């Protein structure tokens, strides 16, 4: 199995850190989601951060 570069490892670690922060945010809400689905969702969102950022940047508004 080939190794990965330090840059790739750092990117992966940052993605996982973002997924953890997203999971914490979702857990603070009233959304009910099982642990596996939460993990899959947050990793997906963190992996696609640039696309998510682009989508959210167009809102310029916070709904409560």
N, C-alpha and C. Protein backbone atom coordinates (compact mmCIF):
# COMPACT_ATOMS: atom_id res chain seq x y z
N UNK A 1 0.84 -1.18 0.00
CA UNK A 1 0.00 0.00 0.00
C UNK A 1 0.89 1.24 0.00
N UNK A 2 0.72 2.09 -0.98
CA UNK A 2 1.57 3.28 -1.04
C UNK A 2 1.23 4.26 0.07
N UNK A 3 2.26 4.97 0.53
CA UNK A 3 2.06 5.97 1.56
C UNK A 3 1.46 7.23 0.97
N UNK A 4 1.01 8.12 1.85
CA UNK A 4 0.49 9.39 1.39
C UNK A 4 1.44 10.50 1.85
N UNK A 5 1.41 11.58 1.13
CA UNK A 5 2.31 12.68 1.47
C UNK A 5 1.84 13.39 2.73
N UNK A 6 2.73 14.15 3.32
CA UNK A 6 2.38 14.93 4.51
C UNK A 6 1.27 15.92 4.18
N UNK A 7 1.32 16.53 3.00
CA UNK A 7 0.29 17.48 2.58
C UNK A 7 -1.08 16.81 2.51
N UNK A 8 -1.13 15.62 1.91
CA UNK A 8 -2.39 14.88 1.82
C UNK A 8 -2.89 14.48 3.20
N UNK A 9 -1.98 14.06 4.07
CA UNK A 9 -2.36 13.68 5.42
C UNK A 9 -2.89 14.89 6.19
N UNK A 10 -2.26 16.04 6.02
CA UNK A 10 -2.73 17.26 6.68
C UNK A 10 -4.12 17.65 6.18
N UNK A 11 -4.35 17.56 4.87
CA UNK A 11 -5.67 17.86 4.31
C UNK A 11 -6.72 16.93 4.88
N UNK A 12 -6.39 15.65 4.98
CA UNK A 12 -7.33 14.66 5.52
C UNK A 12 -7.64 14.98 6.98
N UNK A 13 -6.62 15.30 7.76
CA UNK A 13 -6.83 15.65 9.17
C UNK A 13 -7.73 16.88 9.31
N UNK A 14 -7.53 17.89 8.45
CA UNK A 14 -8.36 19.09 8.50
C UNK A 14 -9.80 18.76 8.14
N UNK A 15 -10.00 17.86 7.18
CA UNK A 15 -11.35 17.44 6.79
C UNK A 15 -12.02 16.73 7.96
N UNK A 16 -11.28 15.86 8.64
CA UNK A 16 -11.85 15.17 9.80
C UNK A 16 -12.17 16.14 10.93
N UNK A 17 -11.31 17.13 11.17
CA UNK A 17 -11.58 18.14 12.19
C UNK A 17 -12.86 18.91 11.86
N UNK A 18 -13.03 19.26 10.59
CA UNK A 18 -14.25 19.96 10.18
C UNK A 18 -15.47 19.07 10.38
N UNK A 19 -15.35 17.80 10.07
CA UNK A 19 -16.47 16.86 10.26
C UNK A 19 -16.85 16.77 11.73
N UNK A 20 -15.88 16.76 12.60
CA UNK A 20 -16.15 16.71 14.05
C UNK A 20 -16.89 17.96 14.49
N UNK A 21 -16.44 19.13 14.01
CA UNK A 21 -17.11 20.39 14.38
C UNK A 21 -18.53 20.44 13.83
N UNK A 22 -18.74 19.94 12.63
CA UNK A 22 -20.08 19.87 12.07
C UNK A 22 -20.97 18.94 12.89
N UNK A 23 -20.42 17.80 13.29
CA UNK A 23 -21.19 16.86 14.11
C UNK A 23 -21.59 17.50 15.44
N UNK A 24 -20.68 18.24 16.05
CA UNK A 24 -20.99 18.92 17.30
C UNK A 24 -22.11 19.93 17.11
N UNK A 25 -22.08 20.67 16.01
CA UNK A 25 -23.12 21.64 15.71
C UNK A 25 -24.47 20.96 15.53
N UNK A 26 -24.49 19.88 14.77
CA UNK A 26 -25.75 19.16 14.53
C UNK A 26 -26.26 18.54 15.83
N UNK A 27 -25.37 18.01 16.65
CA UNK A 27 -25.78 17.41 17.92
C UNK A 27 -26.40 18.43 18.86
N UNK A 28 -26.02 19.70 18.74
CA UNK A 28 -26.59 20.76 19.58
C UNK A 28 -28.00 21.15 19.13
N UNK A 29 -28.38 20.77 17.93
CA UNK A 29 -29.70 21.11 17.42
C UNK A 29 -30.71 20.08 17.90
N UNK A 30 -31.93 20.28 17.47
CA UNK A 30 -32.98 19.32 17.83
C UNK A 30 -33.17 18.26 16.75
N UNK A 31 -32.24 18.19 15.83
CA UNK A 31 -32.31 17.20 14.75
C UNK A 31 -31.95 15.83 15.32
N UNK A 32 -32.80 14.85 15.05
CA UNK A 32 -32.52 13.49 15.50
C UNK A 32 -31.92 12.72 14.33
N UNK A 33 -30.72 12.21 14.55
CA UNK A 33 -30.00 11.48 13.51
C UNK A 33 -29.13 10.43 14.19
N UNK A 34 -29.11 9.23 13.61
CA UNK A 34 -28.30 8.19 14.25
C UNK A 34 -26.82 8.46 14.01
N UNK A 35 -26.01 7.85 14.83
CA UNK A 35 -24.57 8.12 14.83
C UNK A 35 -23.91 7.85 13.49
N UNK A 36 -24.28 6.75 12.84
CA UNK A 36 -23.68 6.41 11.54
C UNK A 36 -24.04 7.45 10.48
N UNK A 37 -25.32 7.82 10.41
CA UNK A 37 -25.76 8.81 9.43
C UNK A 37 -25.09 10.16 9.69
N UNK A 38 -24.95 10.54 10.96
CA UNK A 38 -24.29 11.79 11.32
C UNK A 38 -22.85 11.79 10.84
N UNK A 39 -22.15 10.69 11.05
CA UNK A 39 -20.77 10.59 10.61
C UNK A 39 -20.67 10.69 9.09
N UNK A 40 -21.52 9.95 8.39
CA UNK A 40 -21.50 9.99 6.93
C UNK A 40 -21.82 11.39 6.40
N UNK A 41 -22.83 12.04 6.99
CA UNK A 41 -23.23 13.38 6.56
C UNK A 41 -22.12 14.39 6.78
N UNK A 42 -21.52 14.39 7.96
CA UNK A 42 -20.51 15.39 8.26
C UNK A 42 -19.24 15.18 7.45
N UNK A 43 -18.87 13.94 7.20
CA UNK A 43 -17.70 13.69 6.35
C UNK A 43 -18.00 14.13 4.92
N UNK A 44 -19.21 13.86 4.44
CA UNK A 44 -19.60 14.31 3.11
C UNK A 44 -19.53 15.83 3.01
N UNK A 45 -20.10 16.53 3.98
CA UNK A 45 -20.09 17.99 3.96
C UNK A 45 -18.67 18.53 4.04
N UNK A 46 -17.85 17.96 4.90
CA UNK A 46 -16.47 18.42 5.04
C UNK A 46 -15.66 18.14 3.77
N UNK A 47 -15.89 17.00 3.15
CA UNK A 47 -15.18 16.65 1.93
C UNK A 47 -15.57 17.59 0.79
N UNK A 48 -16.80 18.06 0.81
CA UNK A 48 -17.31 18.95 -0.23
C UNK A 48 -17.41 20.38 0.26
N UNK A 49 -16.50 20.78 1.12
CA UNK A 49 -16.55 22.09 1.77
C UNK A 49 -16.60 23.25 0.79
N UNK A 50 -15.84 23.18 -0.28
CA UNK A 50 -15.83 24.29 -1.24
C UNK A 50 -17.20 24.48 -1.89
N UNK A 51 -17.83 23.38 -2.25
CA UNK A 51 -19.17 23.46 -2.84
C UNK A 51 -20.18 23.95 -1.82
N UNK A 52 -20.11 23.43 -0.61
CA UNK A 52 -21.03 23.87 0.46
C UNK A 52 -20.83 25.35 0.73
N UNK A 53 -19.60 25.80 0.80
CA UNK A 53 -19.30 27.21 1.04
C UNK A 53 -19.89 28.08 -0.06
N UNK A 54 -19.76 27.65 -1.31
CA UNK A 54 -20.31 28.40 -2.44
C UNK A 54 -21.83 28.49 -2.33
N UNK A 55 -22.47 27.39 -2.01
CA UNK A 55 -23.93 27.38 -1.87
C UNK A 55 -24.37 28.31 -0.75
N UNK A 56 -23.71 28.22 0.40
CA UNK A 56 -24.11 29.03 1.56
C UNK A 56 -23.74 30.49 1.41
N UNK A 57 -22.69 30.79 0.68
CA UNK A 57 -22.27 32.18 0.53
C UNK A 57 -23.30 33.01 -0.22
N UNK A 58 -24.15 32.39 -0.98
CA UNK A 58 -25.16 33.09 -1.75
C UNK A 58 -26.39 33.45 -0.93
N UNK A 59 -26.45 33.00 0.32
CA UNK A 59 -27.64 33.26 1.13
C UNK A 59 -27.62 34.63 1.80
N UNK A 60 -26.46 35.06 2.30
CA UNK A 60 -26.34 36.36 2.97
C UNK A 60 -27.43 36.60 4.01
N UNK A 61 -27.93 35.56 4.59
CA UNK A 61 -29.01 35.72 5.55
C UNK A 61 -29.01 34.55 6.52
N UNK A 62 -29.40 34.84 7.76
CA UNK A 62 -29.54 33.80 8.77
C UNK A 62 -31.02 33.69 9.12
N UNK A 63 -31.56 32.50 9.00
CA UNK A 63 -32.95 32.28 9.38
C UNK A 63 -32.99 31.68 10.77
N UNK A 64 -33.92 32.15 11.56
CA UNK A 64 -34.07 31.61 12.92
C UNK A 64 -35.42 31.00 13.09
